[in-house]
Amino acid sequence: MKYLIGRISDPILGITTGIMAYYLWENDGRNSELRPQGRKLNDLLRRRFLPSIASD
C-alpha cells in the first residue's frame, strides 16, 4: 500500500487538517450565524476530555 507521507504521519496529517479547517471555519465572521452557542472547538474538546468540568 502506498502512503502519501508515511504510515504514521498520514493519519496525523488528516486529523491536523480537519482540526485546522474547523478552527478556521469557527473564526470566520461570515459563518457566525451558522454556529450554535456552546459548539466551539474548545467547548467540544472540554466536553469530550474533561466531562467533570463541562457539567459544572
PDB file of N, CA and C in Angstrom:
ATOM      1  N   MET A   1       0.843  -1.177   0.000  1.00  0.00           N
ATOM      2  CA  MET A   1       0.000   0.000   0.000  1.00  0.00           C
ATOM      3  C   MET A   1       0.888   1.241   0.000  1.00  0.00           C
ATOM      4  N   LYS A   2       0.565   2.193  -0.836  1.00  0.00           N
ATOM      5  CA  LYS A   2       1.330   3.442  -0.906  1.00  0.00           C
ATOM      6  C   LYS A   2       0.731   4.464   0.057  1.00  0.00           C
ATOM      7  N   TYR A   3       1.615   5.219   0.659  1.00  0.00           N
ATOM      8  CA  TYR A   3       1.220   6.265   1.597  1.00  0.00           C
ATOM      9  C   TYR A   3       1.655   7.610   1.051  1.00  0.00           C
ATOM     10  N   LEU A   4       0.891   8.647   1.403  1.00  0.00           N
ATOM     11  CA  LEU A   4       1.227   9.994   0.959  1.00  0.00           C
ATOM     12  C   LEU A   4       2.549  10.439   1.586  1.00  0.00           C
ATOM     13  N   ILE A   5       2.651  10.348   2.883  1.00  0.00           N
ATOM     14  CA  ILE A   5       3.878  10.736   3.587  1.00  0.00           C
ATOM     15  C   ILE A   5       4.473   9.530   4.309  1.00  0.00           C
ATOM     16  N   GLY A   6       3.676   8.863   5.065  1.00  0.00           N
ATOM     17  CA  GLY A   6       4.128   7.699   5.818  1.00  0.00           C
ATOM     18  C   GLY A   6       2.954   7.051   6.527  1.00  0.00           C
ATOM     19  N   ARG A   7       3.171   5.868   7.004  1.00  0.00           N
ATOM     20  CA  ARG A   7       2.095   5.112   7.639  1.00  0.00           C
ATOM     21  C   ARG A   7       1.583   5.797   8.901  1.00  0.00           C
ATOM     22  N   ILE A   8       2.461   6.387   9.667  1.00  0.00           N
ATOM     23  CA  ILE A   8       2.081   7.051  10.919  1.00  0.00           C
ATOM     24  C   ILE A   8       1.670   8.501  10.679  1.00  0.00           C
ATOM     25  N   SER A   9       2.381   9.173   9.811  1.00  0.00           N
ATOM     26  CA  SER A   9       2.139  10.603   9.641  1.00  0.00           C
ATOM     27  C   SER A   9       0.908  10.928   8.793  1.00  0.00           C
ATOM     28  N   ASP A  10       0.426  10.012   7.962  1.00  0.00           N
ATOM     29  CA  ASP A  10      -0.784  10.285   7.175  1.00  0.00           C
ATOM     30  C   ASP A  10      -2.012  10.523   8.055  1.00  0.00           C
ATOM     31  N   PRO A  11      -2.299   9.665   9.042  1.00  0.00           N
ATOM     32  CA  PRO A  11      -3.449   9.953   9.912  1.00  0.00           C
ATOM     33  C   PRO A  11      -3.272  11.231  10.725  1.00  0.00           C
ATOM     34  N   ILE A  12      -2.041  11.495  11.158  1.00  0.00           N
ATOM     35  CA  ILE A  12      -1.782  12.727  11.911  1.00  0.00           C
ATOM     36  C   ILE A  12      -2.031  13.939  11.025  1.00  0.00           C
ATOM     37  N   LEU A  13      -1.596  13.874   9.778  1.00  0.00           N
ATOM     38  CA  LEU A  13      -1.839  14.961   8.832  1.00  0.00           C
ATOM     39  C   LEU A  13      -3.334  15.163   8.611  1.00  0.00           C
ATOM     40  N   GLY A  14      -4.087  14.085   8.483  1.00  0.00           N
ATOM     41  CA  GLY A  14      -5.530  14.182   8.278  1.00  0.00           C
ATOM     42  C   GLY A  14      -6.252  14.798   9.455  1.00  0.00           C
ATOM     43  N   ILE A  15      -5.902  14.366  10.658  1.00  0.00           N
ATOM     44  CA  ILE A  15      -6.540  14.899  11.863  1.00  0.00           C
ATOM     45  C   ILE A  15      -6.185  16.371  12.041  1.00  0.00           C
ATOM     46  N   THR A  16      -4.913  16.710  11.827  1.00  0.00           N
ATOM     47  CA  THR A  16      -4.484  18.101  11.957  1.00  0.00           C
ATOM     48  C   THR A  16      -5.186  18.990  10.939  1.00  0.00           C
ATOM     49  N   THR A  17      -5.318  18.516   9.718  1.00  0.00           N
ATOM     50  CA  THR A  17      -6.006  19.289   8.682  1.00  0.00           C
ATOM     51  C   THR A  17      -7.468  19.511   9.053  1.00  0.00           C
ATOM     52  N   GLY A  18      -8.127  18.490   9.581  1.00  0.00           N
ATOM     53  CA  GLY A  18      -9.522  18.623   9.990  1.00  0.00           C
ATOM     54  C   GLY A  18      -9.700  19.602  11.131  1.00  0.00           C
ATOM     55  N   ILE A  19      -8.827  19.547  12.118  1.00  0.00           N
ATOM     56  CA  ILE A  19      -8.912  20.471  13.248  1.00  0.00           C
ATOM     57  C   ILE A  19      -8.673  21.905  12.788  1.00  0.00           C
ATOM     58  N   MET A  20      -7.677  22.092  11.938  1.00  0.00           N
ATOM     59  CA  MET A  20      -7.392  23.450  11.441  1.00  0.00           C
ATOM     60  C   MET A  20      -8.546  23.981  10.591  1.00  0.00           C
ATOM     61  N   ALA A  21      -9.166  23.132   9.777  1.00  0.00           N
ATOM     62  CA  ALA A  21     -10.303  23.564   8.955  1.00  0.00           C
ATOM     63  C   ALA A  21     -11.474  23.972   9.838  1.00  0.00           C
ATOM     64  N   TYR A  22     -11.752  23.193  10.862  1.00  0.00           N
ATOM     65  CA  TYR A  22     -12.839  23.533  11.776  1.00  0.00           C
ATOM     66  C   TYR A  22     -12.531  24.831  12.507  1.00  0.00           C
ATOM     67  N   TYR A  23     -11.281  25.000  12.949  1.00  0.00           N
ATOM     68  CA  TYR A  23     -10.876  26.222  13.651  1.00  0.00           C
ATOM     69  C   TYR A  23     -11.038  27.447  12.749  1.00  0.00           C
ATOM     70  N   LEU A  24     -10.599  27.340  11.501  1.00  0.00           N
ATOM     71  CA  LEU A  24     -10.733  28.460  10.575  1.00  0.00           C
ATOM     72  C   LEU A  24     -12.193  28.770  10.284  1.00  0.00           C
ATOM     73  N   TRP A  25     -13.014  27.744  10.107  1.00  0.00           N
ATOM     74  CA  TRP A  25     -14.440  27.961   9.864  1.00  0.00           C
ATOM     75  C   TRP A  25     -15.087  28.622  11.078  1.00  0.00           C
ATOM     76  N   GLU A  26     -14.662  28.190  12.265  1.00  0.00           N
ATOM     77  CA  GLU A  26     -15.219  28.719  13.502  1.00  0.00           C
ATOM     78  C   GLU A  26     -14.902  30.203  13.678  1.00  0.00           C
ATOM     79  N   ASN A  27     -13.738  30.634  13.255  1.00  0.00           N
ATOM     80  CA  ASN A  27     -13.313  32.020  13.455  1.00  0.00           C
ATOM     81  C   ASN A  27     -13.630  32.936  12.289  1.00  0.00           C
ATOM     82  N   ASP A  28     -14.293  32.430  11.287  1.00  0.00           N
ATOM     83  CA  ASP A  28     -14.684  33.244  10.138  1.00  0.00           C
ATOM     84  C   ASP A  28     -15.986  33.966  10.480  1.00  0.00           C
ATOM     85  N   GLY A  29     -15.973  35.275  10.399  1.00  0.00           N
ATOM     86  CA  GLY A  29     -17.145  36.066  10.755  1.00  0.00           C
ATOM     87  C   GLY A  29     -18.354  35.816   9.882  1.00  0.00           C
ATOM     88  N   ARG A  30     -18.144  35.372   8.667  1.00  0.00           N
ATOM     89  CA  ARG A  30     -19.266  35.103   7.764  1.00  0.00           C
ATOM     90  C   ARG A  30     -20.074  33.880   8.190  1.00  0.00           C
ATOM     91  N   ASN A  31     -19.509  33.030   9.043  1.00  0.00           N
ATOM     92  CA  ASN A  31     -20.205  31.823   9.481  1.00  0.00           C
ATOM     93  C   ASN A  31     -20.817  31.965  10.867  1.00  0.00           C
ATOM     94  N   SER A  32     -20.835  33.158  11.414  1.00  0.00           N
ATOM     95  CA  SER A  32     -21.266  33.321  12.804  1.00  0.00           C
ATOM     96  C   SER A  32     -22.726  32.927  13.013  1.00  0.00           C
ATOM     97  N   GLU A  33     -23.591  33.153  12.040  1.00  0.00           N
ATOM     98  CA  GLU A  33     -24.997  32.790  12.218  1.00  0.00           C
ATOM     99  C   GLU A  33     -25.223  31.285  12.085  1.00  0.00           C
ATOM    100  N   LEU A  34     -24.271  30.552  11.531  1.00  0.00           N
ATOM    101  CA  LEU A  34     -24.401  29.107  11.370  1.00  0.00           C
ATOM    102  C   LEU A  34     -23.940  28.332  12.601  1.00  0.00           C
ATOM    103  N   ARG A  35     -23.199  28.997  13.490  1.00  0.00           N
ATOM    104  CA  ARG A  35     -22.640  28.331  14.669  1.00  0.00           C
ATOM    105  C   ARG A  35     -23.585  28.433  15.856  1.00  0.00           C
ATOM    106  N   PRO A  36     -24.046  27.305  16.372  1.00  0.00           N
ATOM    107  CA  PRO A  36     -24.856  27.373  17.596  1.00  0.00           C
ATOM    108  C   PRO A  36     -23.992  27.680  18.817  1.00  0.00           C
ATOM    109  N   GLN A  37     -24.591  28.240  19.852  1.00  0.00           N
ATOM    110  CA  GLN A  37     -23.871  28.522  21.092  1.00  0.00           C
ATOM    111  C   GLN A  37     -23.411  27.212  21.731  1.00  0.00           C
ATOM    112  N   GLY A  38     -22.248  27.222  22.328  1.00  0.00           N
ATOM    113  CA  GLY A  38     -21.729  26.053  23.022  1.00  0.00           C
ATOM    114  C   GLY A  38     -21.145  24.999  22.099  1.00  0.00           C
ATOM    115  N   ARG A  39     -20.937  25.318  20.841  1.00  0.00           N
ATOM    116  CA  ARG A  39     -20.415  24.345  19.889  1.00  0.00           C
ATOM    117  C   ARG A  39     -19.053  24.758  19.347  1.00  0.00           C
ATOM    118  N   LYS A  40     -18.349  25.618  20.075  1.00  0.00           N
ATOM    119  CA  LYS A  40     -16.994  25.978  19.658  1.00  0.00           C
ATOM    120  C   LYS A  40     -16.064  24.807  19.896  1.00  0.00           C
ATOM    121  N   LEU A  41     -14.919  24.816  19.227  1.00  0.00           N
ATOM    122  CA  LEU A  41     -13.967  23.717  19.336  1.00  0.00           C
ATOM    123  C   LEU A  41     -13.524  23.501  20.775  1.00  0.00           C
ATOM    124  N   ASN A  42     -13.272  24.584  21.491  1.00  0.00           N
ATOM    125  CA  ASN A  42     -12.872  24.459  22.896  1.00  0.00           C
ATOM    126  C   ASN A  42     -13.963  23.806  23.731  1.00  0.00           C
ATOM    127  N   ASP A  43     -15.230  24.180  23.486  1.00  0.00           N
ATOM    128  CA  ASP A  43     -16.336  23.580  24.226  1.00  0.00           C
ATOM    129  C   ASP A  43     -16.467  22.094  23.926  1.00  0.00           C
ATOM    130  N   LEU A  44     -16.341  21.724  22.663  1.00  0.00           N
ATOM    131  CA  LEU A  44     -16.454  20.318  22.284  1.00  0.00           C
ATOM    132  C   LEU A  44     -15.325  19.488  22.875  1.00  0.00           C
ATOM    133  N   LEU A  45     -14.090  20.011  22.845  1.00  0.00           N
ATOM    134  CA  LEU A  45     -12.956  19.286  23.418  1.00  0.00           C
ATOM    135  C   LEU A  45     -13.077  19.168  24.930  1.00  0.00           C
ATOM    136  N   ARG A  46     -13.537  20.244  25.567  1.00  0.00           N
ATOM    137  CA  ARG A  46     -13.697  20.218  27.021  1.00  0.00           C
ATOM    138  C   ARG A  46     -14.749  19.187  27.421  1.00  0.00           C
ATOM    139  N   ARG A  47     -15.849  19.132  26.669  1.00  0.00           N
ATOM    140  CA  ARG A  47     -16.904  18.172  26.971  1.00  0.00           C
ATOM    141  C   ARG A  47     -16.438  16.733  26.744  1.00  0.00           C
ATOM    142  N   ARG A  48     -15.557  16.544  25.761  1.00  0.00           N
ATOM    143  CA  ARG A  48     -15.082  15.200  25.425  1.00  0.00           C
ATOM    144  C   ARG A  48     -14.039  14.697  26.417  1.00  0.00           C
ATOM    145  N   PHE A  49     -13.095  15.552  26.777  1.00  0.00           N
ATOM    146  CA  PHE A  49     -11.958  15.089  27.558  1.00  0.00           C
ATOM    147  C   PHE A  49     -12.023  15.470  29.037  1.00  0.00           C
ATOM    148  N   LEU A  50     -12.835  16.435  29.391  1.00  0.00           N
ATOM    149  CA  LEU A  50     -12.966  16.841  30.791  1.00  0.00           C
ATOM    150  C   LEU A  50     -14.446  16.920  31.170  1.00  0.00           C
ATOM    151  N   PRO A  51     -15.148  15.797  31.188  1.00  0.00           N
ATOM    152  CA  PRO A  51     -16.602  15.846  31.409  1.00  0.00           C
ATOM    153  C   PRO A  51     -16.986  16.383  32.791  1.00  0.00           C
ATOM    154  N   SER A  52     -16.133  16.243  33.798  1.00  0.00           N
ATOM    155  CA  SER A  52     -16.495  16.746  35.123  1.00  0.00           C
ATOM    156  C   SER A  52     -16.509  18.272  35.148  1.00  0.00           C
ATOM    157  N   ILE A  53     -15.635  18.911  34.401  1.00  0.00           N
ATOM    158  CA  ILE A  53     -15.601  20.373  34.339  1.00  0.00           C
ATOM    159  C   ILE A  53     -16.741  20.892  33.477  1.00  0.00           C
ATOM    160  N   ALA A  54     -17.063  20.196  32.393  1.00  0.00           N
ATOM    161  CA  ALA A  54     -18.103  20.654  31.460  1.00  0.00           C
ATOM    162  C   ALA A  54     -19.484  20.613  32.087  1.00  0.00           C
ATOM    163  N   SER A  55     -19.730  19.728  33.034  1.00  0.00           N
ATOM    164  CA  SER A  55     -21.057  19.612  33.629  1.00  0.00           C
ATOM    165  C   SER A  55     -21.320  20.700  34.670  1.00  0.00           C
ATOM    166  N   ASP A  56     -20.287  21.411  35.113  1.00  0.00           N
ATOM    167  CA  ASP A  56     -20.460  22.473  36.119  1.00  0.00           C
ATOM    168  C   ASP A  56     -21.124  23.680  35.542  1.00  0.00           C
TER     169      ASP A  56
END
